[in-house]
Amino acid sequence: MSFARRIESRLERLFEGVSATVFGGKTERLDIENKILRAADLAMFDHPAGPSVPNRYRLFLHPENLPLLPDAATAADLERVITETAMDEGWRLNGPVSVTIVSDPAVPTRSIRCESETVPGPQEPWANLLGATGNVAYPVTHIRSLIGRDRDCDIQIMQADVSRHHAVLFARNQQAWIYDLGSSNGTRVNDIGITTTPVLVRPDDHLAIGGRRFTLKWAYRTQP
């Protein structure tokens, strides 16, 4: 399925039952959501952990096309759409999603202009890596998290048998995946070595990063 069709299907699901008057009947209900998701896709850039998209967006609309709902409520819906799409697509966000809606008479009616940028910031963990005792060893905050010994890693493991950039752990389609980055001492799932091809991480699977062993636990829901 193409990205455009996945966007359409996702928006239909997320906004099922939402009144078409959310945007005053002047701008089609899905126009703004489609615009901001396509802007995210077009602004995608490479990160050592994989495909990344901006996390801060400004939408410029003509005053006649502004939503009837308060900007804060509309922006919150858009932030949710971007965050959930990133989780489904496996896109990295370097900070929490922020959307601002701006009234701009210079924008033609029924048109939308979007600006985006990446602004690093703290995020809530979507999962936790648990140590041998069951305690949280590392929170996993980025949708695509770089694991290794280097200072630029999201999960920094300061052990000699861990490579500078060792592995990537990421979420996609409500599942967790991991792949190795050609590390010196390997990455294993249930004691089976993995390669640069992503491998599904199921509940209670054992992960080994060099000589460190972990299990992954979703932070905010029960994984299917």
N, C-alpha and C. Protein backbone atom coordinates (compact mmCIF):
# COMPACT_ATOMS: atom_id res chain seq x y z
N MET A 1 0.85 -1.19 0.00
CA MET A 1 0.00 0.00 0.00
C MET A 1 0.89 1.25 0.00
N SER A 2 0.57 2.21 -0.86
CA SER A 2 1.37 3.43 -0.95
C SER A 2 1.25 4.25 0.32
N PHE A 3 2.24 5.15 0.53
CA PHE A 3 2.20 6.01 1.71
C PHE A 3 0.95 6.89 1.68
N ALA A 4 0.60 7.42 0.49
CA ALA A 4 -0.57 8.28 0.40
C ALA A 4 -1.83 7.53 0.82
N ARG A 5 -1.97 6.29 0.42
CA ARG A 5 -3.16 5.51 0.78
C ARG A 5 -3.13 5.17 2.26
N ARG A 6 -1.92 4.91 2.81
CA ARG A 6 -1.83 4.64 4.25
C ARG A 6 -2.24 5.86 5.05
N ILE A 7 -1.85 7.04 4.59
CA ILE A 7 -2.28 8.28 5.25
C ILE A 7 -3.79 8.37 5.25
N GLU A 8 -4.38 8.15 4.08
CA GLU A 8 -5.83 8.27 3.95
C GLU A 8 -6.54 7.29 4.87
N SER A 9 -6.08 6.06 4.90
CA SER A 9 -6.71 5.04 5.74
C SER A 9 -6.55 5.39 7.22
N ARG A 10 -5.35 5.85 7.60
CA ARG A 10 -5.10 6.17 9.00
C ARG A 10 -5.99 7.33 9.46
N LEU A 11 -6.11 8.36 8.61
CA LEU A 11 -6.92 9.51 9.00
C LEU A 11 -8.40 9.14 9.09
N GLU A 12 -8.84 8.29 8.18
CA GLU A 12 -10.23 7.83 8.26
C GLU A 12 -10.47 7.11 9.58
N ARG A 13 -9.48 6.32 10.02
CA ARG A 13 -9.62 5.57 11.27
C ARG A 13 -9.56 6.49 12.48
N LEU A 14 -8.59 7.40 12.47
CA LEU A 14 -8.39 8.27 13.64
C LEU A 14 -9.54 9.25 13.83
N PHE A 15 -10.12 9.69 12.72
CA PHE A 15 -11.13 10.73 12.82
C PHE A 15 -12.53 10.23 12.50
N GLU A 16 -12.71 8.92 12.57
CA GLU A 16 -14.03 8.37 12.32
C GLU A 16 -15.01 8.91 13.37
N GLY A 17 -16.10 9.45 12.90
CA GLY A 17 -17.10 9.99 13.82
C GLY A 17 -16.89 11.44 14.18
N VAL A 18 -15.75 12.03 13.78
CA VAL A 18 -15.53 13.45 14.06
C VAL A 18 -16.33 14.26 13.05
N SER A 19 -17.00 15.28 13.54
CA SER A 19 -17.87 16.08 12.68
C SER A 19 -17.08 16.77 11.58
N ALA A 20 -17.66 16.85 10.41
CA ALA A 20 -17.03 17.57 9.31
C ALA A 20 -17.00 19.07 9.56
N THR A 21 -17.71 19.54 10.59
CA THR A 21 -17.70 20.98 10.88
C THR A 21 -16.52 21.38 11.75
N VAL A 22 -15.64 20.42 12.05
CA VAL A 22 -14.47 20.76 12.85
C VAL A 22 -13.72 21.93 12.24
N PHE A 23 -13.64 21.95 10.92
CA PHE A 23 -12.96 23.03 10.25
C PHE A 23 -13.96 23.97 9.57
N GLY A 24 -15.11 24.08 10.17
CA GLY A 24 -16.07 25.08 9.76
C GLY A 24 -16.73 24.82 8.43
N GLY A 25 -16.48 23.64 7.85
CA GLY A 25 -17.05 23.36 6.55
C GLY A 25 -16.39 24.13 5.43
N LYS A 26 -15.37 24.95 5.76
CA LYS A 26 -14.70 25.77 4.76
C LYS A 26 -13.45 25.08 4.24
N THR A 27 -12.81 24.36 5.08
CA THR A 27 -11.68 23.53 4.67
C THR A 27 -12.07 22.09 4.92
N GLU A 28 -11.89 21.22 3.95
CA GLU A 28 -12.30 19.84 4.10
C GLU A 28 -11.66 19.24 5.36
N ARG A 29 -12.40 18.34 5.99
CA ARG A 29 -11.99 17.81 7.29
C ARG A 29 -10.59 17.24 7.29
N LEU A 30 -10.20 16.55 6.22
CA LEU A 30 -8.91 15.88 6.21
C LEU A 30 -7.80 16.68 5.52
N ASP A 31 -8.14 17.84 4.99
CA ASP A 31 -7.14 18.60 4.25
C ASP A 31 -5.93 18.94 5.12
N ILE A 32 -6.20 19.42 6.33
CA ILE A 32 -5.10 19.86 7.18
C ILE A 32 -4.25 18.68 7.63
N GLU A 33 -4.91 17.56 8.00
CA GLU A 33 -4.17 16.38 8.43
C GLU A 33 -3.31 15.83 7.29
N ASN A 34 -3.89 15.77 6.09
CA ASN A 34 -3.14 15.31 4.94
C ASN A 34 -1.95 16.20 4.66
N LYS A 35 -2.15 17.50 4.76
CA LYS A 35 -1.08 18.46 4.47
C LYS A 35 0.08 18.28 5.43
N ILE A 36 -0.21 18.14 6.71
CA ILE A 36 0.87 18.08 7.69
C ILE A 36 1.62 16.75 7.61
N LEU A 37 0.92 15.66 7.32
CA LEU A 37 1.59 14.37 7.19
C LEU A 37 2.43 14.31 5.92
N ARG A 38 1.93 14.88 4.86
CA ARG A 38 2.73 14.91 3.63
C ARG A 38 3.95 15.81 3.81
N ALA A 39 3.77 16.89 4.56
CA ALA A 39 4.91 17.76 4.84
C ALA A 39 5.96 17.01 5.64
N ALA A 40 5.52 16.19 6.60
CA ALA A 40 6.46 15.38 7.38
C ALA A 40 7.20 14.41 6.48
N ASP A 41 6.48 13.76 5.58
CA ASP A 41 7.09 12.78 4.68
C ASP A 41 8.11 13.45 3.76
N LEU A 42 7.78 14.63 3.24
CA LEU A 42 8.68 15.33 2.33
C LEU A 42 9.92 15.86 3.05
N ALA A 43 9.77 16.16 4.35
CA ALA A 43 10.89 16.72 5.12
C ALA A 43 11.73 15.63 5.79
N MET A 44 11.48 14.37 5.47
CA MET A 44 12.20 13.27 6.11
C MET A 44 13.70 13.40 5.85
N PHE A 45 14.49 13.05 6.85
CA PHE A 45 15.94 13.11 6.72
C PHE A 45 16.56 11.89 7.39
N ASP A 46 17.81 11.63 7.04
CA ASP A 46 18.50 10.46 7.57
C ASP A 46 19.14 10.76 8.92
N HIS A 47 19.03 9.79 9.81
CA HIS A 47 19.66 9.83 11.12
C HIS A 47 20.36 8.49 11.28
N PRO A 48 21.42 8.41 12.09
CA PRO A 48 22.06 7.10 12.29
C PRO A 48 21.09 6.00 12.72
N ALA A 49 19.96 6.39 13.35
CA ALA A 49 18.97 5.40 13.76
C ALA A 49 17.94 5.11 12.67
N GLY A 50 17.99 5.85 11.54
CA GLY A 50 17.03 5.60 10.48
C GLY A 50 16.24 6.84 10.10
N PRO A 51 15.16 6.66 9.31
CA PRO A 51 14.39 7.80 8.81
C PRO A 51 13.78 8.62 9.94
N SER A 52 13.96 9.94 9.83
CA SER A 52 13.48 10.87 10.86
C SER A 52 12.66 11.96 10.21
N VAL A 53 11.71 12.50 10.97
CA VAL A 53 10.89 13.60 10.47
C VAL A 53 10.91 14.73 11.49
N PRO A 54 10.62 15.96 11.04
CA PRO A 54 10.57 17.08 11.99
C PRO A 54 9.51 16.86 13.06
N ASN A 55 9.68 17.55 14.18
CA ASN A 55 8.71 17.41 15.26
C ASN A 55 7.98 18.71 15.58
N ARG A 56 8.35 19.80 14.92
CA ARG A 56 7.67 21.08 15.17
C ARG A 56 7.12 21.61 13.86
N TYR A 57 5.83 21.96 13.86
CA TYR A 57 5.14 22.38 12.64
C TYR A 57 4.37 23.67 12.89
N ARG A 58 4.34 24.52 11.86
CA ARG A 58 3.51 25.73 11.86
C ARG A 58 2.66 25.70 10.61
N LEU A 59 1.35 25.76 10.81
CA LEU A 59 0.40 25.76 9.71
C LEU A 59 -0.16 27.16 9.53
N PHE A 60 -0.10 27.66 8.30
CA PHE A 60 -0.59 29.00 7.99
C PHE A 60 -1.84 28.87 7.14
N LEU A 61 -2.96 29.43 7.63
CA LEU A 61 -4.24 29.38 6.93
C LEU A 61 -4.80 30.79 6.82
N HIS A 62 -5.56 31.00 5.76
CA HIS A 62 -6.30 32.26 5.63
C HIS A 62 -7.31 32.35 6.77
N PRO A 63 -7.55 33.54 7.32
CA PRO A 63 -8.51 33.67 8.44
C PRO A 63 -9.86 33.04 8.17
N GLU A 64 -10.33 33.08 6.94
CA GLU A 64 -11.64 32.50 6.62
C GLU A 64 -11.64 30.99 6.75
N ASN A 65 -10.48 30.39 6.71
CA ASN A 65 -10.39 28.93 6.74
C ASN A 65 -9.94 28.38 8.09
N LEU A 66 -9.80 29.24 9.06
CA LEU A 66 -9.37 28.76 10.37
C LEU A 66 -10.44 27.87 10.99
N PRO A 67 -10.03 26.85 11.73
CA PRO A 67 -11.01 25.97 12.38
C PRO A 67 -11.89 26.72 13.35
N LEU A 68 -13.10 26.20 13.54
CA LEU A 68 -14.00 26.77 14.54
C LEU A 68 -13.58 26.37 15.94
N LEU A 69 -12.95 25.19 16.07
CA LEU A 69 -12.49 24.76 17.38
C LEU A 69 -11.34 25.64 17.84
N PRO A 70 -11.15 25.76 19.16
CA PRO A 70 -10.00 26.52 19.64
C PRO A 70 -8.70 25.94 19.08
N ASP A 71 -7.74 26.81 18.81
CA ASP A 71 -6.48 26.37 18.22
C ASP A 71 -5.82 25.27 19.03
N ALA A 72 -5.89 25.37 20.36
CA ALA A 72 -5.22 24.38 21.21
C ALA A 72 -5.80 22.99 20.98
N ALA A 73 -7.14 22.91 20.86
CA ALA A 73 -7.79 21.61 20.66
C ALA A 73 -7.43 21.04 19.29
N THR A 74 -7.47 21.90 18.26
CA THR A 74 -7.14 21.45 16.91
C THR A 74 -5.67 21.03 16.83
N ALA A 75 -4.79 21.82 17.42
CA ALA A 75 -3.36 21.50 17.40
C ALA A 75 -3.10 20.18 18.11
N ALA A 76 -3.79 19.93 19.22
CA ALA A 76 -3.59 18.67 19.95
C ALA A 76 -3.97 17.48 19.10
N ASP A 77 -5.05 17.58 18.32
CA ASP A 77 -5.44 16.50 17.42
C ASP A 77 -4.35 16.25 16.38
N LEU A 78 -3.81 17.34 15.81
CA LEU A 78 -2.78 17.20 14.80
C LEU A 78 -1.51 16.60 15.40
N GLU A 79 -1.16 17.00 16.61
CA GLU A 79 0.01 16.43 17.27
C GLU A 79 -0.16 14.93 17.47
N ARG A 80 -1.38 14.53 17.82
CA ARG A 80 -1.66 13.10 18.02
C ARG A 80 -1.53 12.35 16.69
N VAL A 81 -2.03 12.94 15.61
CA VAL A 81 -1.94 12.29 14.30
C VAL A 81 -0.49 12.08 13.90
N ILE A 82 0.34 13.10 14.06
CA ILE A 82 1.74 12.98 13.67
C ILE A 82 2.45 11.94 14.52
N THR A 83 2.22 11.98 15.84
CA THR A 83 2.89 11.04 16.74
C THR A 83 2.49 9.60 16.43
N GLU A 84 1.20 9.35 16.24
CA GLU A 84 0.74 7.99 15.96
C GLU A 84 1.21 7.52 14.59
N THR A 85 1.26 8.43 13.61
CA THR A 85 1.76 8.05 12.30
C THR A 85 3.24 7.69 12.37
N ALA A 86 4.00 8.47 13.12
CA ALA A 86 5.42 8.17 13.29
C ALA A 86 5.62 6.80 13.94
N MET A 87 4.79 6.47 14.92
CA MET A 87 4.88 5.15 15.56
C MET A 87 4.53 4.04 14.58
N ASP A 88 3.54 4.28 13.73
CA ASP A 88 3.13 3.26 12.76
C ASP A 88 4.15 3.09 11.64
N GLU A 89 4.75 4.20 11.20
CA GLU A 89 5.68 4.17 10.07
C GLU A 89 7.11 3.85 10.50
N GLY A 90 7.39 3.95 11.80
CA GLY A 90 8.76 3.76 12.26
C GLY A 90 9.64 4.97 12.01
N TRP A 91 9.06 6.18 12.07
CA TRP A 91 9.81 7.41 11.89
C TRP A 91 10.38 7.86 13.23
N ARG A 92 11.57 8.35 13.23
CA ARG A 92 12.17 8.93 14.42
C ARG A 92 11.69 10.37 14.60
N LEU A 93 11.37 10.74 15.83
CA LEU A 93 11.11 12.11 16.24
C LEU A 93 12.18 12.49 17.26
N ASN A 94 12.84 13.61 17.06
CA ASN A 94 13.91 14.01 17.97
C ASN A 94 13.40 14.78 19.18
N GLY A 95 12.12 15.05 19.23
CA GLY A 95 11.52 15.74 20.36
C GLY A 95 10.02 15.60 20.30
N PRO A 96 9.32 16.10 21.31
CA PRO A 96 7.85 16.01 21.30
C PRO A 96 7.26 16.81 20.14
N VAL A 97 6.15 16.33 19.61
CA VAL A 97 5.51 17.00 18.48
C VAL A 97 4.78 18.26 18.96
N SER A 98 4.97 19.33 18.22
CA SER A 98 4.29 20.59 18.51
C SER A 98 3.71 21.15 17.22
N VAL A 99 2.44 21.57 17.27
CA VAL A 99 1.77 22.16 16.11
C VAL A 99 1.19 23.52 16.51
N THR A 100 1.46 24.52 15.70
CA THR A 100 0.91 25.86 15.90
C THR A 100 0.14 26.25 14.65
N ILE A 101 -1.07 26.76 14.83
CA ILE A 101 -1.90 27.21 13.71
C ILE A 101 -1.88 28.73 13.68
N VAL A 102 -1.52 29.29 12.52
CA VAL A 102 -1.32 30.73 12.38
C VAL A 102 -2.29 31.29 11.36
N SER A 103 -2.93 32.38 11.72
CA SER A 103 -3.80 33.10 10.79
C SER A 103 -2.95 34.01 9.91
N ASP A 104 -3.05 33.83 8.60
CA ASP A 104 -2.23 34.60 7.67
C ASP A 104 -3.06 34.98 6.45
N PRO A 105 -3.47 36.24 6.34
CA PRO A 105 -4.30 36.66 5.20
C PRO A 105 -3.57 36.57 3.87
N ALA A 106 -2.24 36.42 3.90
CA ALA A 106 -1.49 36.31 2.65
C ALA A 106 -1.65 34.93 2.01
N VAL A 107 -2.10 33.96 2.80
CA VAL A 107 -2.32 32.61 2.26
C VAL A 107 -3.65 32.59 1.51
N PRO A 108 -3.68 32.10 0.28
CA PRO A 108 -4.95 32.05 -0.46
C PRO A 108 -5.99 31.23 0.31
N THR A 109 -7.26 31.58 0.15
CA THR A 109 -8.31 30.81 0.79
C THR A 109 -8.27 29.38 0.29
N ARG A 110 -8.63 28.45 1.17
CA ARG A 110 -8.65 27.02 0.90
C ARG A 110 -7.26 26.47 0.60
N SER A 111 -6.22 27.22 1.01
CA SER A 111 -4.85 26.74 0.87
C SER A 111 -4.22 26.65 2.26
N ILE A 112 -3.18 25.84 2.36
CA ILE A 112 -2.48 25.65 3.62
C ILE A 112 -0.99 25.70 3.35
N ARG A 113 -0.28 26.51 4.11
CA ARG A 113 1.18 26.52 4.03
C ARG A 113 1.74 25.93 5.31
N CYS A 114 2.73 25.06 5.17
CA CYS A 114 3.28 24.36 6.33
C CYS A 114 4.79 24.57 6.39
N GLU A 115 5.28 24.92 7.58
CA GLU A 115 6.72 25.00 7.85
C GLU A 115 7.04 23.98 8.95
N SER A 116 8.21 23.38 8.86
CA SER A 116 8.58 22.38 9.86
C SER A 116 10.04 22.53 10.24
N GLU A 117 10.36 22.07 11.43
CA GLU A 117 11.74 22.07 11.89
C GLU A 117 11.91 20.98 12.95
N THR A 118 13.15 20.64 13.20
CA THR A 118 13.48 19.65 14.22
C THR A 118 14.04 20.37 15.44
N VAL A 119 13.39 20.18 16.57
CA VAL A 119 13.81 20.81 17.82
C VAL A 119 13.93 19.71 18.87
N PRO A 120 15.15 19.31 19.23
CA PRO A 120 15.31 18.24 20.22
C PRO A 120 14.66 18.58 21.55
N GLY A 121 14.14 17.57 22.20
CA GLY A 121 13.52 17.76 23.50
C GLY A 121 13.17 16.43 24.14
N PRO A 122 12.88 16.42 25.43
CA PRO A 122 12.56 15.17 26.13
C PRO A 122 11.24 14.58 25.67
N GLN A 123 11.17 13.25 25.65
CA GLN A 123 9.96 12.53 25.26
C GLN A 123 9.66 11.45 26.28
N GLU A 124 8.39 11.09 26.37
CA GLU A 124 7.99 10.01 27.25
C GLU A 124 8.42 8.67 26.63
N PRO A 125 8.86 7.71 27.43
CA PRO A 125 9.28 6.42 26.87
C PRO A 125 8.10 5.63 26.32
N TRP A 126 8.32 4.98 25.18
CA TRP A 126 7.30 4.06 24.65
C TRP A 126 7.59 2.64 25.12
N ALA A 127 8.80 2.41 25.62
CA ALA A 127 9.18 1.10 26.14
C ALA A 127 10.33 1.27 27.12
N ASN A 128 10.64 0.20 27.81
CA ASN A 128 11.78 0.18 28.73
C ASN A 128 12.60 -1.08 28.49
N LEU A 129 13.91 -0.94 28.55
CA LEU A 129 14.78 -2.10 28.58
C LEU A 129 15.01 -2.47 30.04
N LEU A 130 14.62 -3.69 30.40
CA LEU A 130 14.75 -4.16 31.77
C LEU A 130 16.03 -4.97 31.92
N GLY A 131 16.70 -4.77 33.05
CA GLY A 131 17.90 -5.54 33.34
C GLY A 131 17.58 -6.90 33.90
N ALA A 132 18.60 -7.61 34.31
CA ALA A 132 18.43 -8.99 34.77
C ALA A 132 17.54 -9.09 35.99
N THR A 133 17.51 -8.03 36.82
CA THR A 133 16.68 -8.05 38.04
C THR A 133 15.26 -7.58 37.79
N GLY A 134 14.95 -7.19 36.56
CA GLY A 134 13.61 -6.71 36.24
C GLY A 134 13.42 -5.23 36.42
N ASN A 135 14.47 -4.54 36.86
CA ASN A 135 14.38 -3.09 37.00
C ASN A 135 14.65 -2.41 35.67
N VAL A 136 14.13 -1.18 35.54
CA VAL A 136 14.35 -0.44 34.30
C VAL A 136 15.83 -0.07 34.20
N ALA A 137 16.47 -0.56 33.15
CA ALA A 137 17.87 -0.20 32.91
C ALA A 137 17.97 1.03 32.03
N TYR A 138 17.11 1.07 30.99
CA TYR A 138 17.12 2.21 30.07
C TYR A 138 15.69 2.46 29.58
N PRO A 139 15.18 3.68 29.70
CA PRO A 139 13.92 4.02 29.03
C PRO A 139 14.18 4.20 27.54
N VAL A 140 13.23 3.77 26.72
CA VAL A 140 13.35 3.91 25.27
C VAL A 140 12.40 5.04 24.86
N THR A 141 12.96 6.20 24.61
CA THR A 141 12.12 7.39 24.38
C THR A 141 11.93 7.71 22.91
N HIS A 142 12.93 7.46 22.08
CA HIS A 142 12.80 7.76 20.66
C HIS A 142 12.18 6.57 19.92
N ILE A 143 11.32 6.86 18.97
CA ILE A 143 10.68 5.79 18.20
C ILE A 143 11.74 4.92 17.53
N ARG A 144 12.79 5.54 17.08
CA ARG A 144 13.97 4.81 16.59
C ARG A 144 15.12 5.20 17.50
N SER A 145 15.60 4.28 18.29
CA SER A 145 16.63 4.57 19.28
C SER A 145 17.96 3.93 18.88
N LEU A 146 19.00 4.75 18.84
CA LEU A 146 20.34 4.28 18.55
C LEU A 146 20.99 3.79 19.84
N ILE A 147 21.48 2.56 19.81
CA ILE A 147 22.11 1.93 20.97
C ILE A 147 23.61 1.80 20.71
N GLY A 148 24.41 2.18 21.67
CA GLY A 148 25.85 2.03 21.51
C GLY A 148 26.62 2.72 22.62
N ARG A 149 27.91 2.84 22.41
CA ARG A 149 28.80 3.40 23.41
C ARG A 149 29.04 4.90 23.21
N ASP A 150 28.78 5.40 22.01
CA ASP A 150 29.05 6.81 21.72
C ASP A 150 28.12 7.75 22.47
N ARG A 151 28.57 8.98 22.62
CA ARG A 151 27.79 9.98 23.33
C ARG A 151 26.52 10.37 22.58
N ASP A 152 26.50 10.18 21.24
CA ASP A 152 25.31 10.55 20.48
C ASP A 152 24.23 9.47 20.50
N CYS A 153 24.48 8.36 21.18
CA CYS A 153 23.49 7.29 21.24
C CYS A 153 22.36 7.64 22.20
N ASP A 154 21.15 7.23 21.86
CA ASP A 154 19.99 7.45 22.73
C ASP A 154 20.08 6.55 23.96
N ILE A 155 20.56 5.34 23.75
CA ILE A 155 20.79 4.40 24.85
C ILE A 155 22.29 4.14 24.87
N GLN A 156 22.98 4.80 25.79
CA GLN A 156 24.43 4.72 25.85
C GLN A 156 24.84 3.66 26.86
N ILE A 157 25.48 2.61 26.37
CA ILE A 157 25.95 1.51 27.22
C ILE A 157 27.47 1.56 27.25
N MET A 158 27.99 1.96 28.37
CA MET A 158 29.43 2.17 28.50
C MET A 158 30.14 0.87 28.88
N GLN A 159 30.23 -0.03 27.89
CA GLN A 159 30.98 -1.27 28.07
C GLN A 159 31.87 -1.50 26.88
N ALA A 160 33.05 -2.07 27.13
CA ALA A 160 34.03 -2.25 26.06
C ALA A 160 33.54 -3.15 24.95
N ASP A 161 32.64 -4.11 25.26
CA ASP A 161 32.17 -5.04 24.23
C ASP A 161 30.96 -4.50 23.46
N VAL A 162 30.59 -3.24 23.72
CA VAL A 162 29.52 -2.58 22.99
C VAL A 162 30.15 -1.60 21.99
N SER A 163 29.76 -1.68 20.73
CA SER A 163 30.33 -0.82 19.70
C SER A 163 29.82 0.61 19.85
N ARG A 164 30.53 1.53 19.20
CA ARG A 164 30.14 2.95 19.28
C ARG A 164 28.70 3.12 18.80
N HIS A 165 28.37 2.59 17.66
CA HIS A 165 26.99 2.50 17.16
C HIS A 165 26.72 1.01 17.00
N HIS A 166 25.96 0.44 17.91
CA HIS A 166 25.86 -1.02 18.00
C HIS A 166 24.59 -1.57 17.32
N ALA A 167 23.43 -0.99 17.64
CA ALA A 167 22.16 -1.52 17.14
C ALA A 167 21.11 -0.43 17.15
N VAL A 168 20.00 -0.69 16.48
CA VAL A 168 18.85 0.22 16.48
C VAL A 168 17.62 -0.55 16.93
N LEU A 169 16.92 0.01 17.90
CA LEU A 169 15.65 -0.53 18.40
C LEU A 169 14.56 0.45 18.01
N PHE A 170 13.49 -0.05 17.38
CA PHE A 170 12.47 0.89 16.92
C PHE A 170 11.07 0.27 16.99
N ALA A 171 10.08 1.16 16.97
CA ALA A 171 8.67 0.76 16.95
C ALA A 171 8.12 0.98 15.54
N ARG A 172 7.27 0.05 15.12
CA ARG A 172 6.57 0.18 13.84
C ARG A 172 5.36 -0.72 13.86
N ASN A 173 4.22 -0.17 13.47
CA ASN A 173 2.98 -0.95 13.39
C ASN A 173 2.68 -1.68 14.71
N GLN A 174 2.87 -0.95 15.84
CA GLN A 174 2.55 -1.47 17.17
C GLN A 174 3.39 -2.68 17.54
N GLN A 175 4.57 -2.78 16.97
CA GLN A 175 5.50 -3.85 17.32
C GLN A 175 6.89 -3.27 17.48
N ALA A 176 7.74 -3.99 18.19
CA ALA A 176 9.12 -3.57 18.40
C ALA A 176 10.05 -4.40 17.51
N TRP A 177 11.06 -3.73 16.98
CA TRP A 177 12.02 -4.37 16.08
C TRP A 177 13.43 -3.95 16.47
N ILE A 178 14.40 -4.78 16.13
CA ILE A 178 15.79 -4.45 16.40
C ILE A 178 16.66 -4.97 15.26
N TYR A 179 17.73 -4.25 14.95
CA TYR A 179 18.72 -4.75 13.99
C TYR A 179 20.11 -4.29 14.41
N ASP A 180 21.08 -5.04 13.99
CA ASP A 180 22.48 -4.77 14.33
C ASP A 180 23.08 -3.82 13.31
N LEU A 181 24.08 -3.06 13.75
CA LEU A 181 24.74 -2.10 12.87
C LEU A 181 26.15 -2.55 12.50
N GLY A 182 26.34 -3.85 12.40
CA GLY A 182 27.66 -4.36 12.09
C GLY A 182 28.60 -4.27 13.27
N SER A 183 28.06 -4.45 14.46
CA SER A 183 28.85 -4.33 15.69
C SER A 183 29.91 -5.42 15.78
N SER A 184 30.93 -5.15 16.60
CA SER A 184 32.03 -6.11 16.74
C SER A 184 31.61 -7.37 17.48
N ASN A 185 30.76 -7.21 18.51
CA ASN A 185 30.40 -8.36 19.35
C ASN A 185 28.95 -8.81 19.19
N GLY A 186 28.24 -8.21 18.25
CA GLY A 186 26.93 -8.72 17.86
C GLY A 186 25.77 -8.34 18.76
N THR A 187 24.60 -8.55 18.20
CA THR A 187 23.32 -8.38 18.88
C THR A 187 22.57 -9.69 18.75
N ARG A 188 21.96 -10.14 19.84
CA ARG A 188 21.26 -11.43 19.81
C ARG A 188 19.84 -11.28 20.35
N VAL A 189 18.93 -12.01 19.75
CA VAL A 189 17.56 -12.12 20.24
C VAL A 189 17.33 -13.57 20.58
N ASN A 190 17.09 -13.83 21.86
CA ASN A 190 16.95 -15.21 22.34
C ASN A 190 18.16 -16.05 21.95
N ASP A 191 19.34 -15.43 22.13
CA ASP A 191 20.63 -16.08 21.89
C ASP A 191 20.90 -16.42 20.43
N ILE A 192 20.13 -15.85 19.54
CA ILE A 192 20.36 -16.02 18.11
C ILE A 192 20.88 -14.70 17.55
N GLY A 193 22.05 -14.74 16.94
CA GLY A 193 22.64 -13.53 16.38
C GLY A 193 21.80 -12.97 15.24
N ILE A 194 21.72 -11.64 15.17
CA ILE A 194 20.94 -10.99 14.12
C ILE A 194 21.88 -10.15 13.25
N THR A 195 21.35 -9.73 12.11
CA THR A 195 22.13 -8.96 11.16
C THR A 195 21.52 -7.56 11.02
N THR A 196 21.76 -6.94 9.88
CA THR A 196 21.21 -5.61 9.61
C THR A 196 19.75 -5.68 9.18
N THR A 197 19.18 -6.88 9.11
CA THR A 197 17.76 -7.04 8.80
C THR A 197 16.96 -6.98 10.09
N PRO A 198 15.94 -6.09 10.18
CA PRO A 198 15.17 -5.98 11.42
C PRO A 198 14.52 -7.29 11.84
N VAL A 199 14.56 -7.55 13.15
CA VAL A 199 13.97 -8.76 13.73
C VAL A 199 12.92 -8.33 14.75
N LEU A 200 11.77 -9.00 14.71
CA LEU A 200 10.68 -8.69 15.64
C LEU A 200 11.07 -9.07 17.06
N VAL A 201 10.77 -8.18 18.01
CA VAL A 201 11.01 -8.45 19.42
C VAL A 201 9.66 -8.67 20.10
N ARG A 202 9.42 -9.91 20.51
CA ARG A 202 8.14 -10.26 21.14
C ARG A 202 8.24 -10.13 22.66
N PRO A 203 7.07 -10.12 23.34
CA PRO A 203 7.11 -10.06 24.80
C PRO A 203 7.95 -11.20 25.38
N ASP A 204 8.77 -10.85 26.35
CA ASP A 204 9.62 -11.80 27.07
C ASP A 204 10.82 -12.30 26.27
N ASP A 205 11.02 -11.78 25.05
CA ASP A 205 12.25 -12.12 24.33
C ASP A 205 13.45 -11.55 25.08
N HIS A 206 14.57 -12.24 25.00
CA HIS A 206 15.80 -11.78 25.62
C HIS A 206 16.68 -11.11 24.56
N LEU A 207 17.15 -9.91 24.87
CA LEU A 207 18.04 -9.18 23.97
C LEU A 207 19.43 -9.15 24.58
N ALA A 208 20.43 -9.33 23.75
CA ALA A 208 21.81 -9.21 24.21
C ALA A 208 22.52 -8.18 23.33
N ILE A 209 23.02 -7.12 23.96
CA ILE A 209 23.79 -6.08 23.29
C ILE A 209 25.22 -6.25 23.78
N GLY A 210 26.08 -6.84 22.95
CA GLY A 210 27.39 -7.22 23.46
C GLY A 210 27.18 -8.21 24.60
N GLY A 211 27.71 -7.88 25.78
CA GLY A 211 27.54 -8.77 26.93
C GLY A 211 26.41 -8.40 27.86
N ARG A 212 25.65 -7.35 27.55
CA ARG A 212 24.52 -6.93 28.38
C ARG A 212 23.23 -7.59 27.90
N ARG A 213 22.44 -8.08 28.84
CA ARG A 213 21.19 -8.77 28.51
C ARG A 213 20.00 -7.97 29.04
N PHE A 214 18.94 -7.93 28.23
CA PHE A 214 17.75 -7.16 28.57
C PHE A 214 16.50 -7.90 28.12
N THR A 215 15.37 -7.46 28.66
CA THR A 215 14.07 -7.75 28.08
C THR A 215 13.38 -6.42 27.84
N LEU A 216 12.48 -6.39 26.86
CA LEU A 216 11.79 -5.16 26.49
C LEU A 216 10.37 -5.20 27.01
N LYS A 217 9.94 -4.11 27.62
CA LYS A 217 8.56 -4.00 28.11
C LYS A 217 7.97 -2.69 27.60
N TRP A 218 6.81 -2.80 26.95
CA TRP A 218 6.12 -1.60 26.49
C TRP A 218 5.70 -0.77 27.70
N ALA A 219 5.81 0.54 27.57
CA ALA A 219 5.62 1.42 28.71
C ALA A 219 4.18 1.82 28.92
N TYR A 220 3.36 1.84 27.88
CA TYR A 220 2.04 2.44 28.01
C TYR A 220 0.90 1.55 27.56
N ARG A 221 1.19 0.34 27.17
CA ARG A 221 0.11 -0.55 26.76
C ARG A 221 0.64 -1.98 26.78
N THR A 222 -0.26 -2.92 26.63
CA THR A 222 0.14 -4.33 26.52
C THR A 222 0.34 -4.65 25.06
N GLN A 223 1.51 -5.13 24.70
CA GLN A 223 1.79 -5.48 23.32
C GLN A 223 0.97 -6.70 22.92
N PRO A 224 0.35 -6.66 21.72
CA PRO A 224 -0.43 -7.82 21.27
C PRO A 224 0.45 -9.03 21.04
